[in-house]
Amino acid sequence: MKSVRFFARIAFFGGVSLLSACQIGSGARSGSDRGGADVLGLGISNKPTEQLEKISVEELRAYCPRVRLRQGTAFFTEYEKGGEGDRSKIQFQGSISDVTRSCKYSGDTLTMTIAIAGKVVTGPAVKGNATRLPVRIAVLRGDEVLYSQLHPHQVDVASGTGATQFVLNDPNVQFPRPTKPNILVYVGFDDGKKKDN
């Protein structure tokens, strides 16, 4: 009789174990999945997952043209009227020290944001406390000009500071989506005089 009870208990617990295994295998959800509390502290939350901006592989690998400083255009000197070439007649001198960019594709258009950093120093003939730096951004594909913009960027120079930093930001450099990595982006000072390439 004892053996019959023993085997009955084994059969009962075996059946319970089998049912549990079936529930786990059939995709039973945890308390957190059903909206319950995270009693185990495993970091499972019943709050909706925050939607992240999807970035395609194409965008991650997208071509973003490099920005180059055109030869001979990293420096700009402003002279007193009629004093060109005379160092004692220099009012302001500007220089570009760094450039950076970011790219965003939208349909058939590439939009670049280009930032240019530099500094301005005063000269012996300084007058006033501001100057306008003629900074040009140009995008070329071979001989074709895709974008060209002259920015007369004003820099307020505090007296007695020696050098004043400036940053110029152009977020609207737009042109057709490139089909090849053959785009040249140039930045530099453009005072209207011919520069060497």
N, C-alpha and C. Protein backbone atom coordinates (compact mmCIF):
# COMPACT_ATOMS: atom_id res chain seq x y z
N MET A 1 0.82 -1.19 0.00
CA MET A 1 0.00 0.00 0.00
C MET A 1 0.87 1.26 0.00
N LYS A 2 1.93 1.22 0.84
CA LYS A 2 2.84 2.36 0.88
C LYS A 2 3.48 2.60 -0.48
N SER A 3 3.80 1.52 -1.17
CA SER A 3 4.43 1.67 -2.49
C SER A 3 3.48 2.30 -3.48
N VAL A 4 2.16 2.00 -3.37
CA VAL A 4 1.18 2.58 -4.28
C VAL A 4 1.11 4.10 -4.07
N ARG A 5 1.07 4.52 -2.75
CA ARG A 5 1.05 5.95 -2.44
C ARG A 5 2.33 6.64 -2.94
N PHE A 6 3.44 5.98 -2.79
CA PHE A 6 4.72 6.53 -3.23
C PHE A 6 4.71 6.81 -4.73
N PHE A 7 4.25 5.79 -5.50
CA PHE A 7 4.19 5.95 -6.96
C PHE A 7 3.15 6.98 -7.38
N ALA A 8 2.05 7.11 -6.59
CA ALA A 8 1.03 8.12 -6.90
C ALA A 8 1.60 9.53 -6.74
N ARG A 9 2.39 9.72 -5.67
CA ARG A 9 3.02 11.02 -5.46
C ARG A 9 4.00 11.34 -6.59
N ILE A 10 4.78 10.36 -6.99
CA ILE A 10 5.73 10.57 -8.10
C ILE A 10 4.99 10.97 -9.35
N ALA A 11 3.87 10.28 -9.64
CA ALA A 11 3.08 10.59 -10.83
C ALA A 11 2.52 12.00 -10.76
N PHE A 12 2.03 12.40 -9.54
CA PHE A 12 1.45 13.73 -9.37
C PHE A 12 2.48 14.83 -9.61
N PHE A 13 3.65 14.72 -8.94
CA PHE A 13 4.70 15.74 -9.10
C PHE A 13 5.28 15.74 -10.51
N GLY A 14 5.33 14.56 -11.12
CA GLY A 14 5.80 14.49 -12.51
C GLY A 14 4.87 15.24 -13.44
N GLY A 15 3.54 15.10 -13.20
CA GLY A 15 2.57 15.81 -14.03
C GLY A 15 2.67 17.31 -13.87
N VAL A 16 2.83 17.77 -12.60
CA VAL A 16 2.99 19.21 -12.34
C VAL A 16 4.23 19.75 -13.05
N SER A 17 5.32 19.01 -12.97
CA SER A 17 6.56 19.44 -13.63
C SER A 17 6.37 19.52 -15.13
N LEU A 18 5.66 18.54 -15.69
CA LEU A 18 5.42 18.52 -17.13
C LEU A 18 4.60 19.73 -17.56
N LEU A 19 3.54 20.07 -16.77
CA LEU A 19 2.72 21.24 -17.09
C LEU A 19 3.54 22.52 -17.02
N SER A 20 4.40 22.63 -16.00
CA SER A 20 5.24 23.82 -15.87
C SER A 20 6.16 23.97 -17.07
N ALA A 21 6.74 22.83 -17.47
CA ALA A 21 7.64 22.86 -18.63
C ALA A 21 6.90 23.29 -19.87
N CYS A 22 5.66 22.86 -20.04
CA CYS A 22 4.86 23.23 -21.22
C CYS A 22 4.58 24.73 -21.21
N GLN A 23 4.26 25.29 -20.04
CA GLN A 23 3.98 26.72 -19.96
C GLN A 23 5.21 27.55 -20.31
N ILE A 24 6.37 27.14 -19.79
CA ILE A 24 7.60 27.88 -20.09
C ILE A 24 7.90 27.80 -21.57
N GLY A 25 7.75 26.62 -22.14
CA GLY A 25 8.05 26.43 -23.56
C GLY A 25 7.07 27.13 -24.47
N SER A 26 5.84 27.42 -23.97
CA SER A 26 4.84 28.03 -24.84
C SER A 26 4.90 29.55 -24.82
N GLY A 27 5.96 30.09 -24.18
CA GLY A 27 6.13 31.54 -24.21
C GLY A 27 5.38 32.23 -23.11
N ALA A 28 5.27 31.61 -21.95
CA ALA A 28 4.61 32.25 -20.82
C ALA A 28 5.35 33.53 -20.46
N ARG A 29 4.62 34.58 -20.09
CA ARG A 29 5.23 35.87 -19.80
C ARG A 29 5.48 36.03 -18.32
N SER A 30 6.48 36.81 -18.00
CA SER A 30 6.79 37.10 -16.60
C SER A 30 5.81 38.12 -16.07
N GLY A 31 5.87 38.36 -14.76
CA GLY A 31 5.00 39.36 -14.16
C GLY A 31 5.20 40.72 -14.79
N SER A 32 6.46 41.06 -15.13
CA SER A 32 6.73 42.36 -15.75
C SER A 32 6.11 42.44 -17.12
N ASP A 33 6.15 41.32 -17.91
CA ASP A 33 5.57 41.32 -19.24
C ASP A 33 4.06 41.55 -19.18
N ARG A 34 3.42 41.09 -18.10
CA ARG A 34 1.98 41.23 -17.97
C ARG A 34 1.59 42.56 -17.32
N GLY A 35 2.59 43.41 -17.07
CA GLY A 35 2.29 44.70 -16.46
C GLY A 35 2.49 44.70 -14.97
N GLY A 36 3.06 43.64 -14.42
CA GLY A 36 3.29 43.56 -12.98
C GLY A 36 4.58 44.24 -12.60
N ALA A 37 4.92 44.15 -11.31
CA ALA A 37 6.13 44.79 -10.81
C ALA A 37 7.35 43.94 -11.11
N ASP A 38 8.48 44.57 -11.14
CA ASP A 38 9.76 43.88 -11.35
C ASP A 38 10.27 43.42 -9.99
N VAL A 39 9.69 42.34 -9.49
CA VAL A 39 9.99 41.91 -8.13
C VAL A 39 11.40 41.37 -7.97
N LEU A 40 12.01 40.93 -9.05
CA LEU A 40 13.37 40.39 -8.96
C LEU A 40 14.43 41.46 -9.14
N GLY A 41 14.01 42.66 -9.52
CA GLY A 41 14.98 43.74 -9.71
C GLY A 41 15.92 43.49 -10.86
N LEU A 42 15.41 42.91 -11.94
CA LEU A 42 16.26 42.59 -13.10
C LEU A 42 16.28 43.72 -14.11
N GLY A 43 15.63 44.83 -13.77
CA GLY A 43 15.64 45.97 -14.70
C GLY A 43 14.57 45.87 -15.75
N ILE A 44 13.66 44.90 -15.63
CA ILE A 44 12.57 44.78 -16.58
C ILE A 44 11.49 45.76 -16.18
N SER A 45 11.04 46.56 -17.10
CA SER A 45 10.08 47.60 -16.77
C SER A 45 8.80 47.39 -17.55
N ASN A 46 7.68 47.76 -16.97
CA ASN A 46 6.41 47.67 -17.70
C ASN A 46 6.10 48.95 -18.45
N LYS A 47 7.06 49.91 -18.43
CA LYS A 47 6.88 51.15 -19.17
C LYS A 47 7.19 50.90 -20.63
N PRO A 48 6.52 51.60 -21.56
CA PRO A 48 6.81 51.40 -22.99
C PRO A 48 8.24 51.78 -23.32
N THR A 49 8.85 51.03 -24.21
CA THR A 49 10.22 51.29 -24.62
C THR A 49 10.30 52.62 -25.33
N GLU A 50 11.27 53.43 -24.96
CA GLU A 50 11.44 54.74 -25.57
C GLU A 50 11.84 54.57 -27.03
N GLN A 51 11.15 55.29 -27.90
CA GLN A 51 11.42 55.19 -29.33
C GLN A 51 12.70 55.95 -29.67
N LEU A 52 13.66 55.27 -30.26
CA LEU A 52 14.91 55.90 -30.68
C LEU A 52 14.85 56.19 -32.16
N GLU A 53 15.49 57.28 -32.57
CA GLU A 53 15.54 57.64 -33.98
C GLU A 53 16.30 56.57 -34.74
N LYS A 54 15.67 56.04 -35.76
CA LYS A 54 16.30 54.97 -36.54
C LYS A 54 17.29 55.57 -37.52
N ILE A 55 18.48 55.00 -37.58
CA ILE A 55 19.52 55.45 -38.50
C ILE A 55 19.86 54.27 -39.39
N SER A 56 19.73 54.46 -40.68
CA SER A 56 19.99 53.36 -41.60
C SER A 56 21.49 53.15 -41.77
N VAL A 57 21.83 51.95 -42.23
CA VAL A 57 23.23 51.63 -42.50
C VAL A 57 23.77 52.57 -43.57
N GLU A 58 22.91 52.93 -44.52
CA GLU A 58 23.33 53.83 -45.60
C GLU A 58 23.75 55.19 -45.03
N GLU A 59 22.98 55.69 -44.06
CA GLU A 59 23.31 56.99 -43.45
C GLU A 59 24.59 56.91 -42.64
N LEU A 60 24.79 55.77 -41.96
CA LEU A 60 26.01 55.62 -41.16
C LEU A 60 27.25 55.62 -42.05
N ARG A 61 27.10 55.06 -43.24
CA ARG A 61 28.24 54.96 -44.15
C ARG A 61 28.26 56.09 -45.18
N ALA A 62 27.35 57.04 -45.04
CA ALA A 62 27.20 58.08 -46.05
C ALA A 62 28.47 58.91 -46.20
N TYR A 63 28.68 59.30 -47.43
CA TYR A 63 29.84 60.12 -47.78
C TYR A 63 29.61 61.55 -47.31
N CYS A 64 30.53 62.09 -46.54
CA CYS A 64 30.47 63.48 -46.08
C CYS A 64 31.77 64.16 -46.53
N PRO A 65 31.70 64.99 -47.55
CA PRO A 65 32.92 65.60 -48.10
C PRO A 65 33.74 66.34 -47.06
N ARG A 66 35.04 66.21 -47.17
CA ARG A 66 35.95 66.92 -46.27
C ARG A 66 36.01 68.41 -46.64
N VAL A 67 36.26 69.23 -45.64
CA VAL A 67 36.40 70.67 -45.86
C VAL A 67 37.88 71.01 -45.87
N ARG A 68 38.30 71.77 -46.90
CA ARG A 68 39.71 72.13 -47.05
C ARG A 68 39.86 73.64 -47.01
N LEU A 69 40.98 74.06 -46.48
CA LEU A 69 41.32 75.48 -46.47
C LEU A 69 42.05 75.78 -47.77
N ARG A 70 41.47 76.65 -48.56
CA ARG A 70 42.08 76.95 -49.87
C ARG A 70 43.42 77.64 -49.67
N GLN A 71 44.41 77.20 -50.46
CA GLN A 71 45.76 77.74 -50.35
C GLN A 71 45.77 79.26 -50.50
N GLY A 72 46.46 79.92 -49.59
CA GLY A 72 46.59 81.37 -49.66
C GLY A 72 45.42 82.14 -49.08
N THR A 73 44.45 81.44 -48.46
CA THR A 73 43.26 82.14 -47.96
C THR A 73 43.07 81.98 -46.44
N ALA A 74 44.08 81.53 -45.75
CA ALA A 74 43.96 81.31 -44.31
C ALA A 74 44.11 82.60 -43.51
N PHE A 75 44.65 83.66 -44.17
CA PHE A 75 44.90 84.92 -43.46
C PHE A 75 44.26 86.08 -44.21
N PHE A 76 43.84 87.08 -43.45
CA PHE A 76 43.23 88.27 -44.02
C PHE A 76 43.77 89.49 -43.28
N THR A 77 44.19 90.49 -44.02
CA THR A 77 44.72 91.71 -43.42
C THR A 77 43.89 92.90 -43.90
N GLU A 78 43.44 93.69 -42.95
CA GLU A 78 42.70 94.90 -43.26
C GLU A 78 43.59 96.10 -42.98
N TYR A 79 43.83 96.90 -44.05
CA TYR A 79 44.71 98.08 -43.94
C TYR A 79 43.88 99.36 -43.89
N GLU A 80 44.52 100.41 -43.45
CA GLU A 80 43.93 101.73 -43.63
C GLU A 80 43.76 101.97 -45.12
N LYS A 81 42.77 102.76 -45.49
CA LYS A 81 42.57 103.04 -46.90
C LYS A 81 43.81 103.67 -47.50
N GLY A 82 44.30 103.05 -48.58
CA GLY A 82 45.50 103.54 -49.27
C GLY A 82 46.80 103.04 -48.66
N GLY A 83 46.72 102.24 -47.60
CA GLY A 83 47.94 101.77 -46.94
C GLY A 83 48.27 100.31 -47.19
N GLU A 84 47.66 99.70 -48.24
CA GLU A 84 47.90 98.30 -48.54
C GLU A 84 49.39 97.98 -48.67
N GLY A 85 49.82 96.95 -47.97
CA GLY A 85 51.22 96.53 -48.03
C GLY A 85 52.10 97.18 -46.99
N ASP A 86 51.61 98.19 -46.32
CA ASP A 86 52.40 98.90 -45.31
C ASP A 86 52.00 98.34 -43.94
N ARG A 87 52.95 97.67 -43.28
CA ARG A 87 52.65 97.01 -42.01
C ARG A 87 52.22 98.00 -40.91
N SER A 88 52.68 99.22 -41.02
CA SER A 88 52.29 100.21 -40.01
C SER A 88 50.86 100.69 -40.21
N LYS A 89 50.25 100.32 -41.33
CA LYS A 89 48.88 100.74 -41.63
C LYS A 89 47.86 99.62 -41.40
N ILE A 90 48.30 98.52 -40.76
CA ILE A 90 47.39 97.38 -40.51
C ILE A 90 46.42 97.74 -39.39
N GLN A 91 45.12 97.53 -39.65
CA GLN A 91 44.10 97.74 -38.64
C GLN A 91 43.74 96.43 -37.93
N PHE A 92 43.45 95.40 -38.72
CA PHE A 92 43.10 94.08 -38.17
C PHE A 92 43.74 92.99 -39.01
N GLN A 93 44.04 91.88 -38.37
CA GLN A 93 44.47 90.68 -39.08
C GLN A 93 43.64 89.50 -38.58
N GLY A 94 43.09 88.73 -39.52
CA GLY A 94 42.29 87.56 -39.18
C GLY A 94 42.95 86.30 -39.67
N SER A 95 42.73 85.21 -38.97
CA SER A 95 43.27 83.91 -39.40
C SER A 95 42.26 82.82 -39.09
N ILE A 96 42.25 81.80 -39.94
CA ILE A 96 41.39 80.63 -39.73
C ILE A 96 42.25 79.52 -39.16
N SER A 97 41.81 78.95 -38.04
CA SER A 97 42.61 77.92 -37.38
C SER A 97 42.00 76.53 -37.45
N ASP A 98 40.67 76.43 -37.66
CA ASP A 98 40.04 75.11 -37.65
C ASP A 98 38.75 75.13 -38.44
N VAL A 99 38.42 73.99 -39.04
CA VAL A 99 37.15 73.83 -39.74
C VAL A 99 36.57 72.46 -39.40
N THR A 100 35.27 72.37 -39.41
CA THR A 100 34.61 71.08 -39.19
C THR A 100 33.31 71.08 -39.97
N ARG A 101 32.68 69.88 -40.08
CA ARG A 101 31.45 69.78 -40.85
C ARG A 101 30.62 68.60 -40.38
N SER A 102 29.34 68.62 -40.73
CA SER A 102 28.45 67.48 -40.56
C SER A 102 27.56 67.44 -41.78
N CYS A 103 27.02 66.24 -42.07
CA CYS A 103 26.22 66.05 -43.27
C CYS A 103 24.89 65.41 -42.95
N LYS A 104 23.87 65.77 -43.72
CA LYS A 104 22.56 65.15 -43.58
C LYS A 104 21.95 64.98 -44.96
N TYR A 105 21.58 63.72 -45.28
CA TYR A 105 20.96 63.43 -46.55
C TYR A 105 19.44 63.47 -46.40
N SER A 106 18.77 64.05 -47.39
CA SER A 106 17.32 64.08 -47.43
C SER A 106 16.89 64.01 -48.89
N GLY A 107 16.34 62.87 -49.27
CA GLY A 107 15.96 62.69 -50.67
C GLY A 107 17.17 62.79 -51.57
N ASP A 108 17.11 63.69 -52.54
CA ASP A 108 18.20 63.87 -53.49
C ASP A 108 19.11 65.04 -53.12
N THR A 109 19.05 65.48 -51.87
CA THR A 109 19.82 66.64 -51.44
C THR A 109 20.74 66.30 -50.28
N LEU A 110 21.94 66.85 -50.33
CA LEU A 110 22.87 66.76 -49.20
C LEU A 110 22.98 68.15 -48.59
N THR A 111 22.74 68.24 -47.29
CA THR A 111 22.89 69.51 -46.57
C THR A 111 24.06 69.38 -45.61
N MET A 112 25.01 70.28 -45.73
CA MET A 112 26.16 70.30 -44.84
C MET A 112 26.07 71.49 -43.90
N THR A 113 26.50 71.26 -42.68
CA THR A 113 26.72 72.35 -41.73
C THR A 113 28.23 72.50 -41.59
N ILE A 114 28.72 73.69 -41.90
CA ILE A 114 30.16 73.94 -41.87
C ILE A 114 30.45 75.02 -40.84
N ALA A 115 31.39 74.73 -39.96
CA ALA A 115 31.80 75.68 -38.93
C ALA A 115 33.27 76.02 -39.12
N ILE A 116 33.57 77.30 -39.00
CA ILE A 116 34.92 77.81 -39.19
C ILE A 116 35.31 78.60 -37.95
N ALA A 117 36.47 78.28 -37.40
CA ALA A 117 36.95 78.98 -36.19
C ALA A 117 38.27 79.68 -36.50
N GLY A 118 38.48 80.80 -35.83
CA GLY A 118 39.72 81.53 -36.02
C GLY A 118 39.86 82.64 -35.01
N LYS A 119 40.72 83.59 -35.32
CA LYS A 119 40.92 84.71 -34.40
C LYS A 119 41.26 85.98 -35.16
N VAL A 120 41.08 87.09 -34.47
CA VAL A 120 41.38 88.42 -35.02
C VAL A 120 42.29 89.13 -34.03
N VAL A 121 43.34 89.76 -34.56
CA VAL A 121 44.22 90.58 -33.72
C VAL A 121 44.24 91.99 -34.30
N THR A 122 44.48 92.95 -33.45
CA THR A 122 44.52 94.34 -33.89
C THR A 122 45.92 94.71 -34.34
N GLY A 123 45.97 95.68 -35.26
CA GLY A 123 47.25 96.17 -35.77
C GLY A 123 47.57 97.55 -35.22
N PRO A 124 48.71 98.11 -35.63
CA PRO A 124 49.15 99.42 -35.12
C PRO A 124 48.24 100.57 -35.53
N ALA A 125 47.50 100.40 -36.61
CA ALA A 125 46.63 101.50 -37.08
C ALA A 125 45.15 101.20 -36.81
N VAL A 126 44.88 100.41 -35.78
CA VAL A 126 43.51 100.01 -35.50
C VAL A 126 42.61 101.22 -35.24
N LYS A 127 41.42 101.17 -35.81
CA LYS A 127 40.40 102.19 -35.59
C LYS A 127 39.09 101.45 -35.35
N GLY A 128 38.39 101.82 -34.32
CA GLY A 128 37.12 101.15 -34.03
C GLY A 128 37.37 99.85 -33.27
N ASN A 129 36.28 99.13 -33.02
CA ASN A 129 36.39 97.87 -32.27
C ASN A 129 35.67 96.71 -32.96
N ALA A 130 35.54 96.80 -34.29
CA ALA A 130 34.90 95.72 -35.04
C ALA A 130 35.45 95.68 -36.45
N THR A 131 35.43 94.48 -37.02
CA THR A 131 35.83 94.30 -38.41
C THR A 131 34.94 93.26 -39.06
N ARG A 132 34.87 93.30 -40.37
CA ARG A 132 34.10 92.29 -41.11
C ARG A 132 35.09 91.42 -41.90
N LEU A 133 35.01 90.13 -41.63
CA LEU A 133 35.90 89.18 -42.30
C LEU A 133 35.16 88.58 -43.49
N PRO A 134 35.72 88.70 -44.70
CA PRO A 134 35.06 88.13 -45.88
C PRO A 134 35.37 86.64 -46.01
N VAL A 135 34.52 85.78 -45.45
CA VAL A 135 34.76 84.33 -45.46
C VAL A 135 33.88 83.68 -46.53
N ARG A 136 34.51 82.94 -47.43
CA ARG A 136 33.74 82.26 -48.48
C ARG A 136 33.74 80.75 -48.25
N ILE A 137 32.58 80.15 -48.50
CA ILE A 137 32.43 78.69 -48.53
C ILE A 137 32.02 78.32 -49.95
N ALA A 138 32.75 77.41 -50.56
CA ALA A 138 32.46 77.00 -51.94
C ALA A 138 32.51 75.48 -52.05
N VAL A 139 31.57 74.94 -52.83
CA VAL A 139 31.51 73.50 -53.08
C VAL A 139 31.67 73.28 -54.58
N LEU A 140 32.64 72.46 -54.95
CA LEU A 140 32.94 72.20 -56.35
C LEU A 140 32.85 70.71 -56.68
N ARG A 141 32.41 70.44 -57.91
CA ARG A 141 32.49 69.09 -58.47
C ARG A 141 33.19 69.25 -59.82
N GLY A 142 34.49 68.99 -59.80
CA GLY A 142 35.28 69.30 -60.99
C GLY A 142 35.32 70.81 -61.16
N ASP A 143 34.92 71.30 -62.34
CA ASP A 143 34.87 72.74 -62.60
C ASP A 143 33.50 73.33 -62.29
N GLU A 144 32.56 72.48 -61.89
CA GLU A 144 31.20 72.94 -61.63
C GLU A 144 31.06 73.44 -60.19
N VAL A 145 30.55 74.65 -60.04
CA VAL A 145 30.32 75.24 -58.72
C VAL A 145 28.92 74.85 -58.26
N LEU A 146 28.83 74.06 -57.20
CA LEU A 146 27.54 73.61 -56.68
C LEU A 146 26.99 74.57 -55.63
N TYR A 147 27.88 75.28 -54.96
CA TYR A 147 27.48 76.21 -53.91
C TYR A 147 28.61 77.20 -53.70
N SER A 148 28.27 78.47 -53.53
CA SER A 148 29.28 79.48 -53.22
C SER A 148 28.59 80.61 -52.47
N GLN A 149 29.11 80.89 -51.29
CA GLN A 149 28.51 81.94 -50.48
C GLN A 149 29.60 82.72 -49.75
N LEU A 150 29.55 84.05 -49.91
CA LEU A 150 30.47 84.93 -49.20
C LEU A 150 29.79 85.43 -47.94
N HIS A 151 30.41 85.21 -46.80
CA HIS A 151 29.86 85.63 -45.51
C HIS A 151 30.69 86.82 -44.99
N PRO A 152 30.14 88.04 -45.00
CA PRO A 152 30.84 89.17 -44.36
C PRO A 152 30.63 89.08 -42.85
N HIS A 153 31.49 88.31 -42.20
CA HIS A 153 31.30 87.96 -40.80
C HIS A 153 31.88 89.03 -39.88
N GLN A 154 31.00 89.66 -39.09
CA GLN A 154 31.46 90.72 -38.20
C GLN A 154 32.03 90.13 -36.91
N VAL A 155 33.18 90.66 -36.51
CA VAL A 155 33.82 90.25 -35.26
C VAL A 155 34.03 91.51 -34.42
N ASP A 156 33.47 91.51 -33.23
CA ASP A 156 33.66 92.61 -32.30
C ASP A 156 34.93 92.35 -31.50
N VAL A 157 35.86 93.28 -31.58
CA VAL A 157 37.17 93.12 -30.93
C VAL A 157 37.23 94.03 -29.71
N ALA A 158 37.37 93.42 -28.55
CA ALA A 158 37.48 94.21 -27.32
C ALA A 158 38.88 94.81 -27.24
N SER A 159 38.95 96.08 -26.89
CA SER A 159 40.25 96.76 -26.83
C SER A 159 41.14 96.16 -25.75
N GLY A 160 42.41 96.00 -26.07
CA GLY A 160 43.39 95.51 -25.12
C GLY A 160 43.36 94.02 -24.87
N THR A 161 42.62 93.26 -25.71
CA THR A 161 42.54 91.81 -25.48
C THR A 161 43.59 91.03 -26.25
N GLY A 162 44.26 91.67 -27.17
CA GLY A 162 45.26 90.95 -27.96
C GLY A 162 44.63 90.18 -29.10
N ALA A 163 43.98 89.05 -28.81
CA ALA A 163 43.33 88.24 -29.85
C ALA A 163 41.89 87.95 -29.46
N THR A 164 41.01 88.02 -30.44
CA THR A 164 39.59 87.72 -30.22
C THR A 164 39.20 86.51 -31.07
N GLN A 165 38.63 85.51 -30.44
CA GLN A 165 38.21 84.31 -31.15
C GLN A 165 36.90 84.56 -31.89
N PHE A 166 36.70 83.85 -33.01
CA PHE A 166 35.42 83.93 -33.71
C PHE A 166 35.05 82.55 -34.25
N VAL A 167 33.75 82.34 -34.41
CA VAL A 167 33.23 81.11 -35.02
C VAL A 167 32.15 81.50 -36.01
N LEU A 168 32.28 81.03 -37.23
CA LEU A 168 31.26 81.24 -38.26
C LEU A 168 30.61 79.89 -38.55
N ASN A 169 29.28 79.86 -38.54
CA ASN A 169 28.55 78.61 -38.76
C ASN A 169 27.57 78.80 -39.91
N ASP A 170 27.67 77.96 -40.93
CA ASP A 170 26.73 77.99 -42.05
C ASP A 170 26.04 76.63 -42.10
N PRO A 171 24.75 76.55 -41.68
CA PRO A 171 24.04 75.27 -41.66
C PRO A 171 23.29 74.96 -42.94
N ASN A 172 23.44 75.79 -43.97
CA ASN A 172 22.62 75.66 -45.18
C ASN A 172 23.42 75.44 -46.45
N VAL A 173 24.49 74.68 -46.35
CA VAL A 173 25.29 74.38 -47.54
C VAL A 173 24.62 73.20 -48.23
N GLN A 174 23.81 73.47 -49.26
CA GLN A 174 23.02 72.42 -49.91
C GLN A 174 23.41 72.26 -51.37
N PHE A 175 23.38 70.99 -51.81
CA PHE A 175 23.66 70.67 -53.21
C PHE A 175 23.14 69.26 -53.49
N PRO A 176 23.03 68.87 -54.76
CA PRO A 176 22.49 67.54 -55.07
C PRO A 176 23.32 66.41 -54.45
N ARG A 177 22.63 65.34 -54.05
CA ARG A 177 23.28 64.18 -53.45
C ARG A 177 24.39 63.67 -54.37
N PRO A 178 25.62 63.54 -53.85
CA PRO A 178 26.73 63.06 -54.70
C PRO A 178 26.53 61.59 -55.08
N THR A 179 26.95 61.27 -56.29
CA THR A 179 26.93 59.87 -56.73
C THR A 179 28.32 59.25 -56.63
N LYS A 180 29.33 60.11 -56.47
CA LYS A 180 30.71 59.66 -56.30
C LYS A 180 31.37 60.55 -55.24
N PRO A 181 32.44 60.05 -54.62
CA PRO A 181 33.17 60.89 -53.65
C PRO A 181 34.09 61.88 -54.37
N ASN A 182 33.49 62.79 -55.14
CA ASN A 182 34.28 63.72 -55.95
C ASN A 182 33.93 65.18 -55.67
N ILE A 183 33.49 65.45 -54.45
CA ILE A 183 33.11 66.81 -54.07
C ILE A 183 34.25 67.46 -53.29
N LEU A 184 34.58 68.70 -53.65
CA LEU A 184 35.58 69.47 -52.93
C LEU A 184 34.90 70.65 -52.24
N VAL A 185 35.10 70.78 -50.94
CA VAL A 185 34.54 71.90 -50.19
C VAL A 185 35.70 72.76 -49.71
N TYR A 186 35.68 74.02 -50.12
CA TYR A 186 36.74 74.96 -49.75
C TYR A 186 36.20 76.06 -48.85
N VAL A 187 37.01 76.48 -47.90
CA VAL A 187 36.71 77.68 -47.11
C VAL A 187 37.94 78.56 -47.12
N GLY A 188 37.74 79.85 -46.89
CA GLY A 188 38.88 80.77 -46.83
C GLY A 188 38.41 82.21 -46.91
N PHE A 189 39.33 83.12 -46.65
CA PHE A 189 39.04 84.54 -46.79
C PHE A 189 39.04 84.90 -48.27
N ASP A 190 38.09 85.73 -48.67
CA ASP A 190 37.99 86.16 -50.07
C ASP A 190 37.76 87.66 -50.09
N ASP A 191 38.85 88.40 -50.31
CA ASP A 191 38.74 89.86 -50.36
C ASP A 191 38.58 90.37 -51.79
N GLY A 192 38.29 89.45 -52.71
CA GLY A 192 38.09 89.83 -54.10
C GLY A 192 39.34 89.76 -54.94
N LYS A 193 40.49 89.50 -54.30
CA LYS A 193 41.74 89.38 -55.04
C LYS A 193 41.94 87.93 -55.47
N LYS A 194 42.56 87.73 -56.60
CA LYS A 194 42.78 86.39 -57.12
C LYS A 194 43.74 85.61 -56.22
N LYS A 195 43.34 84.36 -55.90
CA LYS A 195 44.16 83.48 -55.06
C LYS A 195 44.76 82.36 -55.89
N ASP A 196 45.90 81.84 -55.44
CA ASP A 196 46.48 80.66 -56.08
C ASP A 196 45.67 79.43 -55.68
N ASN A 197 45.55 78.46 -56.58
CA ASN A 197 44.84 77.22 -56.28
C ASN A 197 45.72 76.26 -55.53
